[in-house]
Amino acid sequence: MVFQVRSGVLNVLSWQRGSDGPEADKWMLPGGYLSPNESLESSIRRHLATKVELREVSHIEQLGSWSDPGSDGDQWQVLTAYMGLVASSVDPVLPADTAWQPVDGHPPFAFDNAAIVEQARERLRAKLSYTNMGFALAPPAFTISQLRDIYRAALGHPVSATNLQRVLVRRGELVPTGGQRPSGAAGGRPASEFRFQSTQLEVTDQFAVLRPPREG
């Protein structure tokens, strides 16, 4: 399964089943069968590229395995799910039966796919707290306000741009590019551009938790 922040909303990539068979016309996470002599990660990247024409996946990791009878219709299968992340700057052309669906308020998913999406979202929230995983959702260069909006969408709660910058710079996750974005219509100073120091997953603060702000 694949997440992307689009227009300030966390979305999941899904494709619609046909009108025949169990769970007809419902949505599912893209996937497929493992070929001989193929690794699990190679398999999911192949299916994303060939079935939904998505090749620009910034990060991918194994999420878990499911083996409940009846989880995929009449067949008993062992399902291994991966979580993939796509940068907000990527806008792939998808097939007609494939779409980005908002994680909150998505249409009914077939089988146990909704539970997989929720588990993946919890994994994403946790890893945004103690790793540099934001690199996989952010564009190559960004302002702190843009990064704040991405974290807010993924975490599901408000995020202070000032606090986010202080935390990520202190951890060594962000570095300035030297570039600036022009002021908006309301004026003000140009916004500085940043990038992530690394585009490989790293634990930067193993005990950190990015919590919602306190009320009152």
N, C-alpha and C. Protein backbone atom coordinates (compact mmCIF):
# COMPACT_ATOMS: atom_id res chain seq x y z
N MET A 1 0.84 -1.17 0.00
CA MET A 1 0.00 0.00 0.00
C MET A 1 0.89 1.24 0.00
N VAL A 2 0.36 2.34 -0.56
CA VAL A 2 1.17 3.52 -0.80
C VAL A 2 0.44 4.75 -0.27
N PHE A 3 1.16 5.59 0.50
CA PHE A 3 0.65 6.86 1.00
C PHE A 3 1.28 8.01 0.22
N GLN A 4 0.50 9.09 0.06
CA GLN A 4 1.01 10.36 -0.44
C GLN A 4 0.16 11.48 0.14
N VAL A 5 0.80 12.59 0.50
CA VAL A 5 0.07 13.77 0.91
C VAL A 5 -0.24 14.59 -0.34
N ARG A 6 -1.53 14.77 -0.60
CA ARG A 6 -2.00 15.50 -1.78
C ARG A 6 -2.94 16.61 -1.32
N SER A 7 -2.60 17.85 -1.68
CA SER A 7 -3.41 19.01 -1.31
C SER A 7 -3.69 19.05 0.19
N GLY A 8 -2.67 18.71 0.97
CA GLY A 8 -2.79 18.79 2.41
C GLY A 8 -3.56 17.66 3.07
N VAL A 9 -3.81 16.57 2.33
CA VAL A 9 -4.57 15.43 2.85
C VAL A 9 -3.78 14.15 2.62
N LEU A 10 -3.74 13.28 3.64
CA LEU A 10 -3.07 11.99 3.49
C LEU A 10 -3.96 11.06 2.66
N ASN A 11 -3.42 10.56 1.55
CA ASN A 11 -4.16 9.69 0.64
C ASN A 11 -3.49 8.33 0.54
N VAL A 12 -4.30 7.33 0.17
CA VAL A 12 -3.79 5.98 -0.05
C VAL A 12 -4.15 5.57 -1.48
N LEU A 13 -3.21 4.94 -2.15
CA LEU A 13 -3.43 4.49 -3.52
C LEU A 13 -4.29 3.23 -3.52
N SER A 14 -5.31 3.20 -4.36
CA SER A 14 -6.21 2.05 -4.40
C SER A 14 -6.74 1.84 -5.80
N TRP A 15 -7.17 0.62 -6.06
CA TRP A 15 -7.78 0.32 -7.36
C TRP A 15 -9.11 -0.39 -7.13
N GLN A 16 -10.02 -0.23 -8.08
CA GLN A 16 -11.37 -0.74 -7.93
C GLN A 16 -11.52 -2.11 -8.56
N ARG A 17 -12.12 -3.03 -7.78
CA ARG A 17 -12.37 -4.38 -8.27
C ARG A 17 -13.44 -4.35 -9.36
N GLY A 18 -13.46 -5.41 -10.15
CA GLY A 18 -14.46 -5.53 -11.19
C GLY A 18 -15.85 -5.80 -10.63
N SER A 19 -16.82 -5.85 -11.50
CA SER A 19 -18.21 -6.04 -11.08
C SER A 19 -18.58 -7.50 -10.86
N ASP A 20 -17.65 -8.43 -11.11
CA ASP A 20 -17.88 -9.85 -10.87
C ASP A 20 -17.07 -10.32 -9.68
N GLY A 21 -17.55 -11.38 -9.02
CA GLY A 21 -16.80 -11.99 -7.93
C GLY A 21 -17.11 -11.34 -6.60
N PRO A 22 -16.44 -11.85 -5.53
CA PRO A 22 -16.69 -11.32 -4.18
C PRO A 22 -16.23 -9.87 -4.05
N GLU A 23 -16.91 -9.13 -3.20
CA GLU A 23 -16.59 -7.73 -2.94
C GLU A 23 -16.55 -6.90 -4.23
N ALA A 24 -17.48 -7.15 -5.13
CA ALA A 24 -17.51 -6.48 -6.43
C ALA A 24 -17.58 -4.97 -6.27
N ASP A 25 -16.82 -4.30 -7.12
CA ASP A 25 -16.79 -2.83 -7.22
C ASP A 25 -16.19 -2.12 -6.01
N LYS A 26 -15.76 -2.86 -5.01
CA LYS A 26 -15.11 -2.21 -3.88
C LYS A 26 -13.65 -1.91 -4.24
N TRP A 27 -13.02 -1.10 -3.38
CA TRP A 27 -11.64 -0.69 -3.61
C TRP A 27 -10.68 -1.57 -2.84
N MET A 28 -9.49 -1.73 -3.39
CA MET A 28 -8.45 -2.56 -2.78
C MET A 28 -7.10 -1.87 -2.89
N LEU A 29 -6.18 -2.34 -2.09
CA LEU A 29 -4.79 -1.90 -2.21
C LEU A 29 -4.14 -2.64 -3.37
N PRO A 30 -3.31 -1.96 -4.16
CA PRO A 30 -2.67 -2.65 -5.28
C PRO A 30 -1.70 -3.72 -4.80
N GLY A 31 -1.61 -4.79 -5.56
CA GLY A 31 -0.70 -5.89 -5.20
C GLY A 31 -0.82 -7.01 -6.19
N GLY A 32 -0.23 -8.13 -5.86
CA GLY A 32 -0.27 -9.27 -6.76
C GLY A 32 0.56 -10.41 -6.21
N TYR A 33 0.72 -11.43 -7.02
CA TYR A 33 1.42 -12.63 -6.60
C TYR A 33 2.94 -12.51 -6.78
N LEU A 34 3.65 -13.24 -5.96
CA LEU A 34 5.11 -13.29 -6.01
C LEU A 34 5.55 -14.25 -7.11
N SER A 35 6.45 -13.79 -7.95
CA SER A 35 6.98 -14.64 -9.02
C SER A 35 8.16 -15.47 -8.52
N PRO A 36 8.48 -16.59 -9.19
CA PRO A 36 9.64 -17.39 -8.80
C PRO A 36 10.92 -16.56 -8.84
N ASN A 37 11.79 -16.79 -7.88
CA ASN A 37 13.10 -16.13 -7.81
C ASN A 37 12.97 -14.61 -7.69
N GLU A 38 11.89 -14.12 -7.05
CA GLU A 38 11.68 -12.69 -6.89
C GLU A 38 11.54 -12.37 -5.41
N SER A 39 12.20 -11.29 -4.96
CA SER A 39 12.06 -10.89 -3.57
C SER A 39 10.72 -10.18 -3.37
N LEU A 40 10.29 -10.07 -2.12
CA LEU A 40 9.03 -9.41 -1.84
C LEU A 40 9.05 -7.95 -2.27
N GLU A 41 10.13 -7.23 -1.97
CA GLU A 41 10.18 -5.82 -2.35
C GLU A 41 10.22 -5.66 -3.86
N SER A 42 10.97 -6.50 -4.54
CA SER A 42 11.00 -6.44 -6.01
C SER A 42 9.62 -6.70 -6.59
N SER A 43 8.89 -7.62 -5.96
CA SER A 43 7.55 -7.95 -6.44
C SER A 43 6.61 -6.77 -6.32
N ILE A 44 6.59 -6.10 -5.15
CA ILE A 44 5.65 -4.99 -4.99
C ILE A 44 6.02 -3.83 -5.89
N ARG A 45 7.31 -3.57 -6.08
CA ARG A 45 7.69 -2.50 -7.00
C ARG A 45 7.27 -2.85 -8.43
N ARG A 46 7.38 -4.11 -8.80
CA ARG A 46 6.96 -4.52 -10.15
C ARG A 46 5.46 -4.35 -10.31
N HIS A 47 4.69 -4.76 -9.32
CA HIS A 47 3.24 -4.63 -9.43
C HIS A 47 2.81 -3.17 -9.48
N LEU A 48 3.46 -2.31 -8.70
CA LEU A 48 3.12 -0.90 -8.74
C LEU A 48 3.42 -0.30 -10.11
N ALA A 49 4.53 -0.72 -10.69
CA ALA A 49 4.92 -0.17 -11.99
C ALA A 49 4.04 -0.68 -13.12
N THR A 50 3.69 -1.96 -13.09
CA THR A 50 2.97 -2.54 -14.22
C THR A 50 1.46 -2.42 -14.09
N LYS A 51 0.94 -2.43 -12.86
CA LYS A 51 -0.52 -2.40 -12.68
C LYS A 51 -1.09 -1.00 -12.54
N VAL A 52 -0.36 -0.14 -11.83
CA VAL A 52 -0.89 1.21 -11.60
C VAL A 52 0.07 2.30 -12.07
N GLU A 53 1.14 1.91 -12.77
CA GLU A 53 2.06 2.84 -13.42
C GLU A 53 2.72 3.80 -12.43
N LEU A 54 3.01 3.30 -11.24
CA LEU A 54 3.69 4.10 -10.23
C LEU A 54 5.11 3.56 -10.04
N ARG A 55 6.09 4.39 -10.34
CA ARG A 55 7.49 3.96 -10.25
C ARG A 55 8.30 4.80 -9.27
N GLU A 56 7.82 5.98 -8.93
CA GLU A 56 8.58 6.90 -8.08
C GLU A 56 8.18 6.74 -6.61
N VAL A 57 8.59 5.64 -6.02
CA VAL A 57 8.31 5.37 -4.61
C VAL A 57 9.56 5.73 -3.80
N SER A 58 9.43 6.70 -2.88
CA SER A 58 10.58 7.22 -2.16
C SER A 58 11.09 6.25 -1.10
N HIS A 59 10.17 5.51 -0.50
CA HIS A 59 10.56 4.58 0.57
C HIS A 59 9.55 3.45 0.61
N ILE A 60 10.03 2.25 0.93
CA ILE A 60 9.15 1.10 1.04
C ILE A 60 9.68 0.20 2.16
N GLU A 61 8.76 -0.32 2.98
CA GLU A 61 9.17 -1.21 4.05
C GLU A 61 8.05 -2.20 4.35
N GLN A 62 8.44 -3.36 4.87
CA GLN A 62 7.45 -4.39 5.17
C GLN A 62 6.61 -3.97 6.37
N LEU A 63 5.30 -4.15 6.23
CA LEU A 63 4.36 -3.75 7.27
C LEU A 63 3.97 -4.92 8.15
N GLY A 64 3.62 -6.05 7.56
CA GLY A 64 3.19 -7.21 8.33
C GLY A 64 2.63 -8.29 7.44
N SER A 65 2.21 -9.39 8.04
CA SER A 65 1.64 -10.52 7.30
C SER A 65 0.30 -10.89 7.89
N TRP A 66 -0.59 -11.34 7.04
CA TRP A 66 -1.94 -11.76 7.43
C TRP A 66 -2.20 -13.15 6.83
N SER A 67 -2.84 -14.02 7.63
CA SER A 67 -3.09 -15.39 7.15
C SER A 67 -4.47 -15.88 7.55
N ASP A 68 -5.40 -14.96 7.83
CA ASP A 68 -6.73 -15.38 8.25
C ASP A 68 -7.49 -16.02 7.10
N PRO A 69 -8.09 -17.19 7.29
CA PRO A 69 -8.92 -17.78 6.24
C PRO A 69 -10.07 -16.84 5.88
N GLY A 70 -10.33 -16.73 4.60
CA GLY A 70 -11.41 -15.87 4.15
C GLY A 70 -11.03 -14.42 4.00
N SER A 71 -9.77 -14.06 4.22
CA SER A 71 -9.38 -12.66 4.10
C SER A 71 -9.31 -12.21 2.65
N ASP A 72 -9.35 -13.13 1.71
CA ASP A 72 -9.34 -12.78 0.29
C ASP A 72 -10.34 -13.65 -0.45
N GLY A 73 -11.60 -13.58 -0.02
CA GLY A 73 -12.64 -14.34 -0.70
C GLY A 73 -12.57 -15.82 -0.38
N ASP A 74 -12.66 -16.66 -1.42
CA ASP A 74 -12.71 -18.10 -1.23
C ASP A 74 -11.32 -18.73 -1.11
N GLN A 75 -10.27 -17.94 -1.31
CA GLN A 75 -8.92 -18.49 -1.30
C GLN A 75 -8.27 -18.27 0.07
N TRP A 76 -7.49 -19.26 0.51
CA TRP A 76 -6.68 -19.08 1.71
C TRP A 76 -5.28 -18.70 1.25
N GLN A 77 -4.83 -17.54 1.69
CA GLN A 77 -3.54 -17.04 1.26
C GLN A 77 -2.81 -16.42 2.43
N VAL A 78 -1.50 -16.38 2.33
CA VAL A 78 -0.68 -15.61 3.25
C VAL A 78 -0.36 -14.29 2.56
N LEU A 79 -0.80 -13.21 3.16
CA LEU A 79 -0.62 -11.89 2.59
C LEU A 79 0.48 -11.14 3.32
N THR A 80 1.45 -10.63 2.60
CA THR A 80 2.49 -9.78 3.16
C THR A 80 2.31 -8.38 2.59
N ALA A 81 2.08 -7.42 3.48
CA ALA A 81 1.83 -6.04 3.05
C ALA A 81 3.06 -5.18 3.26
N TYR A 82 3.28 -4.29 2.32
CA TYR A 82 4.35 -3.30 2.40
C TYR A 82 3.74 -1.92 2.45
N MET A 83 4.41 -1.00 3.13
CA MET A 83 4.02 0.40 3.11
C MET A 83 5.01 1.17 2.24
N GLY A 84 4.48 1.87 1.25
CA GLY A 84 5.30 2.71 0.39
C GLY A 84 4.91 4.17 0.57
N LEU A 85 5.85 5.07 0.36
CA LEU A 85 5.61 6.51 0.48
C LEU A 85 6.05 7.20 -0.80
N VAL A 86 5.26 8.17 -1.23
CA VAL A 86 5.54 8.93 -2.45
C VAL A 86 5.61 10.41 -2.10
N ALA A 87 6.59 11.11 -2.62
CA ALA A 87 6.76 12.54 -2.35
C ALA A 87 5.57 13.33 -2.87
N SER A 88 5.24 14.41 -2.19
CA SER A 88 4.08 15.22 -2.57
C SER A 88 4.26 15.90 -3.92
N SER A 89 5.49 15.98 -4.40
CA SER A 89 5.75 16.63 -5.68
C SER A 89 5.52 15.70 -6.87
N VAL A 90 5.30 14.42 -6.63
CA VAL A 90 5.09 13.44 -7.69
C VAL A 90 3.61 13.38 -8.05
N ASP A 91 3.29 13.38 -9.32
CA ASP A 91 1.89 13.31 -9.75
C ASP A 91 1.78 12.33 -10.91
N PRO A 92 1.80 11.03 -10.60
CA PRO A 92 1.77 10.03 -11.67
C PRO A 92 0.43 9.98 -12.37
N VAL A 93 0.46 9.58 -13.63
CA VAL A 93 -0.77 9.35 -14.39
C VAL A 93 -1.23 7.93 -14.10
N LEU A 94 -2.41 7.80 -13.52
CA LEU A 94 -2.90 6.50 -13.08
C LEU A 94 -3.91 5.92 -14.06
N PRO A 95 -4.04 4.60 -14.10
CA PRO A 95 -5.08 3.97 -14.93
C PRO A 95 -6.48 4.39 -14.47
N ALA A 96 -7.46 4.14 -15.31
CA ALA A 96 -8.82 4.58 -15.03
C ALA A 96 -9.42 3.94 -13.79
N ASP A 97 -8.99 2.71 -13.45
CA ASP A 97 -9.56 2.02 -12.29
C ASP A 97 -8.77 2.25 -11.02
N THR A 98 -7.85 3.22 -11.02
CA THR A 98 -6.96 3.47 -9.89
C THR A 98 -7.09 4.93 -9.46
N ALA A 99 -7.04 5.18 -8.16
CA ALA A 99 -7.21 6.55 -7.67
C ALA A 99 -6.56 6.71 -6.31
N TRP A 100 -6.23 7.95 -5.96
CA TRP A 100 -5.81 8.30 -4.61
C TRP A 100 -7.07 8.55 -3.79
N GLN A 101 -7.21 7.86 -2.68
CA GLN A 101 -8.37 8.01 -1.81
C GLN A 101 -7.93 8.59 -0.46
N PRO A 102 -8.67 9.55 0.09
CA PRO A 102 -8.31 10.07 1.41
C PRO A 102 -8.39 8.98 2.47
N VAL A 103 -7.39 8.92 3.32
CA VAL A 103 -7.39 7.89 4.36
C VAL A 103 -8.59 8.06 5.29
N ASP A 104 -8.92 9.29 5.60
CA ASP A 104 -10.14 9.56 6.37
C ASP A 104 -11.28 9.82 5.39
N GLY A 105 -12.27 8.95 5.40
CA GLY A 105 -13.41 9.13 4.51
C GLY A 105 -13.29 8.41 3.19
N HIS A 106 -12.42 7.40 3.12
CA HIS A 106 -12.30 6.64 1.88
C HIS A 106 -13.53 5.77 1.66
N PRO A 107 -13.82 5.36 0.41
CA PRO A 107 -14.94 4.45 0.15
C PRO A 107 -14.65 3.08 0.76
N PRO A 108 -15.67 2.21 0.85
CA PRO A 108 -15.47 0.89 1.46
C PRO A 108 -14.37 0.09 0.75
N PHE A 109 -13.45 -0.48 1.55
CA PHE A 109 -12.40 -1.34 1.01
C PHE A 109 -12.85 -2.80 1.09
N ALA A 110 -12.37 -3.60 0.15
CA ALA A 110 -12.67 -5.03 0.13
C ALA A 110 -11.85 -5.76 1.19
N PHE A 111 -12.41 -6.87 1.64
CA PHE A 111 -11.73 -7.79 2.56
C PHE A 111 -11.21 -7.05 3.79
N ASP A 112 -9.93 -7.30 4.16
CA ASP A 112 -9.39 -6.66 5.36
C ASP A 112 -8.48 -5.49 5.03
N ASN A 113 -8.65 -4.90 3.85
CA ASN A 113 -7.74 -3.83 3.43
C ASN A 113 -7.83 -2.59 4.31
N ALA A 114 -9.02 -2.28 4.85
CA ALA A 114 -9.15 -1.11 5.71
C ALA A 114 -8.28 -1.25 6.96
N ALA A 115 -8.21 -2.45 7.52
CA ALA A 115 -7.38 -2.68 8.71
C ALA A 115 -5.90 -2.51 8.39
N ILE A 116 -5.51 -2.91 7.18
CA ILE A 116 -4.11 -2.76 6.76
C ILE A 116 -3.76 -1.28 6.62
N VAL A 117 -4.67 -0.50 6.04
CA VAL A 117 -4.44 0.94 5.89
C VAL A 117 -4.27 1.59 7.26
N GLU A 118 -5.12 1.24 8.21
CA GLU A 118 -5.03 1.84 9.54
C GLU A 118 -3.74 1.46 10.24
N GLN A 119 -3.31 0.22 10.09
CA GLN A 119 -2.05 -0.19 10.71
C GLN A 119 -0.88 0.56 10.08
N ALA A 120 -0.95 0.75 8.78
CA ALA A 120 0.12 1.49 8.09
C ALA A 120 0.15 2.94 8.54
N ARG A 121 -1.02 3.55 8.73
CA ARG A 121 -1.04 4.94 9.18
C ARG A 121 -0.43 5.07 10.57
N GLU A 122 -0.70 4.13 11.46
CA GLU A 122 -0.10 4.17 12.79
C GLU A 122 1.41 4.00 12.71
N ARG A 123 1.87 3.13 11.81
CA ARG A 123 3.32 2.98 11.60
C ARG A 123 3.94 4.29 11.11
N LEU A 124 3.26 4.93 10.16
CA LEU A 124 3.77 6.19 9.61
C LEU A 124 3.85 7.25 10.70
N ARG A 125 2.81 7.39 11.49
CA ARG A 125 2.81 8.39 12.56
C ARG A 125 3.95 8.15 13.54
N ALA A 126 4.15 6.90 13.91
CA ALA A 126 5.21 6.58 14.86
C ALA A 126 6.59 6.91 14.29
N LYS A 127 6.82 6.52 13.06
CA LYS A 127 8.15 6.71 12.48
C LYS A 127 8.44 8.17 12.13
N LEU A 128 7.41 8.96 11.88
CA LEU A 128 7.64 10.39 11.70
C LEU A 128 8.14 11.02 12.99
N SER A 129 7.83 10.41 14.13
CA SER A 129 8.25 10.94 15.41
C SER A 129 9.72 10.69 15.69
N TYR A 130 10.21 9.49 15.39
CA TYR A 130 11.56 9.15 15.85
C TYR A 130 12.54 8.87 14.72
N THR A 131 12.12 9.03 13.47
CA THR A 131 13.05 8.86 12.34
C THR A 131 12.95 10.08 11.42
N ASN A 132 13.72 10.04 10.34
CA ASN A 132 13.68 11.10 9.33
C ASN A 132 12.74 10.75 8.18
N MET A 133 11.72 9.93 8.44
CA MET A 133 10.85 9.43 7.38
C MET A 133 10.16 10.53 6.58
N GLY A 134 10.11 11.74 7.10
CA GLY A 134 9.52 12.84 6.35
C GLY A 134 10.13 13.04 4.98
N PHE A 135 11.40 12.61 4.80
CA PHE A 135 12.05 12.79 3.50
C PHE A 135 11.26 12.12 2.38
N ALA A 136 10.56 11.02 2.70
CA ALA A 136 9.87 10.25 1.68
C ALA A 136 8.53 10.87 1.27
N LEU A 137 8.01 11.80 2.08
CA LEU A 137 6.76 12.46 1.77
C LEU A 137 6.97 13.87 1.22
N ALA A 138 8.11 14.46 1.51
CA ALA A 138 8.38 15.84 1.13
C ALA A 138 8.99 15.92 -0.27
N PRO A 139 8.83 17.07 -0.95
CA PRO A 139 9.55 17.28 -2.21
C PRO A 139 11.04 17.46 -1.94
N PRO A 140 11.87 17.48 -2.97
CA PRO A 140 13.32 17.61 -2.75
C PRO A 140 13.71 18.87 -1.98
N ALA A 141 13.03 19.97 -2.23
CA ALA A 141 13.26 21.23 -1.50
C ALA A 141 11.92 21.80 -1.09
N PHE A 142 11.89 22.45 0.07
CA PHE A 142 10.61 22.89 0.61
C PHE A 142 10.85 24.00 1.63
N THR A 143 9.79 24.75 1.92
CA THR A 143 9.81 25.68 3.03
C THR A 143 9.33 24.95 4.28
N ILE A 144 9.60 25.54 5.43
CA ILE A 144 9.14 24.92 6.68
C ILE A 144 7.62 24.88 6.71
N SER A 145 6.95 25.87 6.17
CA SER A 145 5.49 25.86 6.14
C SER A 145 4.97 24.69 5.31
N GLN A 146 5.62 24.43 4.18
CA GLN A 146 5.21 23.29 3.36
C GLN A 146 5.43 21.98 4.10
N LEU A 147 6.56 21.86 4.78
CA LEU A 147 6.84 20.63 5.52
C LEU A 147 5.85 20.48 6.67
N ARG A 148 5.51 21.57 7.34
CA ARG A 148 4.52 21.54 8.41
C ARG A 148 3.20 20.98 7.93
N ASP A 149 2.77 21.40 6.73
CA ASP A 149 1.50 20.92 6.18
C ASP A 149 1.55 19.41 5.89
N ILE A 150 2.70 18.93 5.46
CA ILE A 150 2.86 17.49 5.19
C ILE A 150 2.79 16.70 6.50
N TYR A 151 3.51 17.16 7.52
CA TYR A 151 3.47 16.48 8.81
C TYR A 151 2.07 16.53 9.42
N ARG A 152 1.40 17.66 9.28
CA ARG A 152 0.05 17.79 9.82
C ARG A 152 -0.89 16.78 9.18
N ALA A 153 -0.79 16.62 7.86
CA ALA A 153 -1.65 15.66 7.16
C ALA A 153 -1.35 14.23 7.59
N ALA A 154 -0.07 13.90 7.71
CA ALA A 154 0.31 12.53 8.04
C ALA A 154 0.03 12.18 9.50
N LEU A 155 0.27 13.14 10.40
CA LEU A 155 0.07 12.89 11.83
C LEU A 155 -1.39 13.00 12.24
N GLY A 156 -2.14 13.82 11.53
CA GLY A 156 -3.55 13.96 11.85
C GLY A 156 -3.84 14.96 12.94
N HIS A 157 -2.90 15.85 13.24
CA HIS A 157 -3.13 16.89 14.23
C HIS A 157 -2.28 18.12 13.89
N PRO A 158 -2.62 19.29 14.43
CA PRO A 158 -1.86 20.50 14.12
C PRO A 158 -0.39 20.38 14.53
N VAL A 159 0.45 21.04 13.75
CA VAL A 159 1.89 21.03 13.99
C VAL A 159 2.40 22.46 13.89
N SER A 160 3.21 22.88 14.84
CA SER A 160 3.81 24.21 14.82
C SER A 160 5.01 24.21 13.89
N ALA A 161 5.03 25.11 12.92
CA ALA A 161 6.16 25.19 12.00
C ALA A 161 7.44 25.52 12.75
N THR A 162 7.36 26.42 13.74
CA THR A 162 8.55 26.82 14.50
C THR A 162 9.10 25.64 15.29
N ASN A 163 8.23 24.91 15.98
CA ASN A 163 8.69 23.75 16.75
C ASN A 163 9.23 22.65 15.85
N LEU A 164 8.56 22.43 14.72
CA LEU A 164 9.01 21.39 13.79
C LEU A 164 10.41 21.70 13.29
N GLN A 165 10.65 22.94 12.89
CA GLN A 165 11.98 23.33 12.41
C GLN A 165 13.02 23.15 13.51
N ARG A 166 12.71 23.58 14.72
CA ARG A 166 13.68 23.47 15.81
C ARG A 166 14.04 22.01 16.08
N VAL A 167 13.02 21.14 16.12
CA VAL A 167 13.27 19.73 16.42
C VAL A 167 14.07 19.06 15.31
N LEU A 168 13.67 19.25 14.06
CA LEU A 168 14.33 18.54 12.96
C LEU A 168 15.73 19.07 12.69
N VAL A 169 15.95 20.37 12.88
CA VAL A 169 17.30 20.91 12.72
C VAL A 169 18.20 20.41 13.84
N ARG A 170 17.67 20.39 15.07
CA ARG A 170 18.46 19.89 16.21
C ARG A 170 18.89 18.45 15.99
N ARG A 171 18.02 17.65 15.41
CA ARG A 171 18.35 16.25 15.14
C ARG A 171 19.28 16.07 13.96
N GLY A 172 19.51 17.12 13.21
CA GLY A 172 20.37 17.02 12.03
C GLY A 172 19.66 16.48 10.81
N GLU A 173 18.31 16.51 10.82
CA GLU A 173 17.55 15.99 9.69
C GLU A 173 17.47 16.99 8.54
N LEU A 174 17.40 18.28 8.86
CA LEU A 174 17.21 19.30 7.84
C LEU A 174 18.46 20.15 7.67
N VAL A 175 18.70 20.56 6.44
CA VAL A 175 19.77 21.51 6.13
C VAL A 175 19.22 22.52 5.14
N PRO A 176 19.66 23.79 5.23
CA PRO A 176 19.20 24.79 4.27
C PRO A 176 19.82 24.56 2.89
N THR A 177 19.05 24.84 1.86
CA THR A 177 19.57 24.71 0.50
C THR A 177 20.28 25.98 0.04
N GLY A 178 20.02 27.09 0.74
CA GLY A 178 20.53 28.39 0.30
C GLY A 178 19.55 29.14 -0.58
N GLY A 179 18.50 28.44 -1.01
CA GLY A 179 17.49 29.08 -1.85
C GLY A 179 16.39 29.71 -1.02
N GLN A 180 15.62 30.58 -1.68
CA GLN A 180 14.50 31.24 -1.03
C GLN A 180 13.30 31.27 -1.95
N ARG A 181 12.12 31.23 -1.36
CA ARG A 181 10.88 31.37 -2.12
C ARG A 181 10.42 32.82 -2.02
N PRO A 182 9.93 33.41 -3.10
CA PRO A 182 9.47 34.80 -3.05
C PRO A 182 8.30 34.97 -2.10
N SER A 183 8.12 36.19 -1.61
CA SER A 183 7.01 36.49 -0.71
C SER A 183 5.69 36.28 -1.41
N GLY A 184 4.69 35.94 -0.65
CA GLY A 184 3.35 35.76 -1.20
C GLY A 184 2.65 37.09 -1.40
N ALA A 185 1.37 37.02 -1.73
CA ALA A 185 0.59 38.22 -2.00
C ALA A 185 0.48 39.11 -0.77
N ALA A 186 0.56 38.50 0.43
CA ALA A 186 0.45 39.28 1.66
C ALA A 186 1.76 39.94 2.05
N GLY A 187 2.81 39.72 1.29
CA GLY A 187 4.10 40.32 1.60
C GLY A 187 4.89 39.51 2.60
N GLY A 188 5.78 40.18 3.33
CA GLY A 188 6.62 39.48 4.29
C GLY A 188 7.95 39.08 3.69
N ARG A 189 8.79 38.49 4.53
CA ARG A 189 10.12 38.10 4.08
C ARG A 189 10.06 36.84 3.22
N PRO A 190 10.98 36.70 2.27
CA PRO A 190 11.05 35.45 1.50
C PRO A 190 11.30 34.26 2.43
N ALA A 191 10.73 33.12 2.10
CA ALA A 191 10.88 31.93 2.94
C ALA A 191 12.10 31.13 2.51
N SER A 192 12.89 30.70 3.47
CA SER A 192 14.09 29.91 3.18
C SER A 192 13.71 28.49 2.80
N GLU A 193 14.51 27.91 1.91
CA GLU A 193 14.29 26.53 1.50
C GLU A 193 15.18 25.58 2.31
N PHE A 194 14.65 24.39 2.55
CA PHE A 194 15.39 23.34 3.24
C PHE A 194 15.28 22.04 2.44
N ARG A 195 16.11 21.09 2.82
CA ARG A 195 16.02 19.73 2.30
C ARG A 195 16.38 18.78 3.44
N PHE A 196 16.04 17.51 3.26
CA PHE A 196 16.46 16.52 4.25
C PHE A 196 17.93 16.15 4.01
N GLN A 197 18.65 16.02 5.10
CA GLN A 197 20.07 15.67 5.02
C GLN A 197 20.28 14.33 4.34
N SER A 198 19.40 13.37 4.61
CA SER A 198 19.53 12.03 4.06
C SER A 198 18.21 11.58 3.46
N THR A 199 18.29 10.81 2.40
CA THR A 199 17.10 10.20 1.82
C THR A 199 17.10 8.69 2.05
N GLN A 200 17.77 8.28 3.11
CA GLN A 200 17.73 6.91 3.61
C GLN A 200 17.16 6.95 5.02
N LEU A 201 16.33 5.97 5.37
CA LEU A 201 15.69 5.98 6.67
C LEU A 201 16.71 5.86 7.78
N GLU A 202 16.63 6.77 8.77
CA GLU A 202 17.53 6.78 9.91
C GLU A 202 16.75 7.07 11.18
N VAL A 203 17.08 6.40 12.27
CA VAL A 203 16.53 6.73 13.58
C VAL A 203 17.28 7.95 14.10
N THR A 204 16.56 9.03 14.37
CA THR A 204 17.21 10.28 14.80
C THR A 204 16.93 10.62 16.26
N ASP A 205 15.87 10.05 16.85
CA ASP A 205 15.57 10.25 18.27
C ASP A 205 14.63 9.13 18.68
N GLN A 206 15.21 8.03 19.18
CA GLN A 206 14.45 6.80 19.35
C GLN A 206 13.32 6.90 20.37
N PHE A 207 13.35 7.91 21.24
CA PHE A 207 12.31 8.02 22.26
C PHE A 207 11.31 9.14 21.97
N ALA A 208 11.42 9.78 20.82
CA ALA A 208 10.58 10.94 20.53
C ALA A 208 9.17 10.53 20.11
N VAL A 209 8.18 11.37 20.47
CA VAL A 209 6.80 11.20 20.05
C VAL A 209 6.27 12.59 19.70
N LEU A 210 5.78 12.75 18.48
CA LEU A 210 5.18 14.02 18.07
C LEU A 210 3.71 13.98 18.44
N ARG A 211 3.36 14.65 19.54
CA ARG A 211 2.01 14.61 20.08
C ARG A 211 1.21 15.83 19.63
N PRO A 212 -0.12 15.72 19.69
CA PRO A 212 -0.96 16.88 19.41
C PRO A 212 -0.69 17.99 20.43
N PRO A 213 -0.88 19.25 20.05
CA PRO A 213 -0.69 20.33 21.03
C PRO A 213 -1.71 20.25 22.15
N ARG A 214 -1.34 20.73 23.32
CA ARG A 214 -2.26 20.72 24.45
C ARG A 214 -3.37 21.74 24.24
N GLU A 215 -4.55 21.38 24.65
CA GLU A 215 -5.68 22.28 24.55
C GLU A 215 -5.66 23.27 25.72
N GLY A 216 -6.15 24.47 25.42
CA GLY A 216 -6.19 25.48 26.47
C GLY A 216 -4.86 26.16 26.64
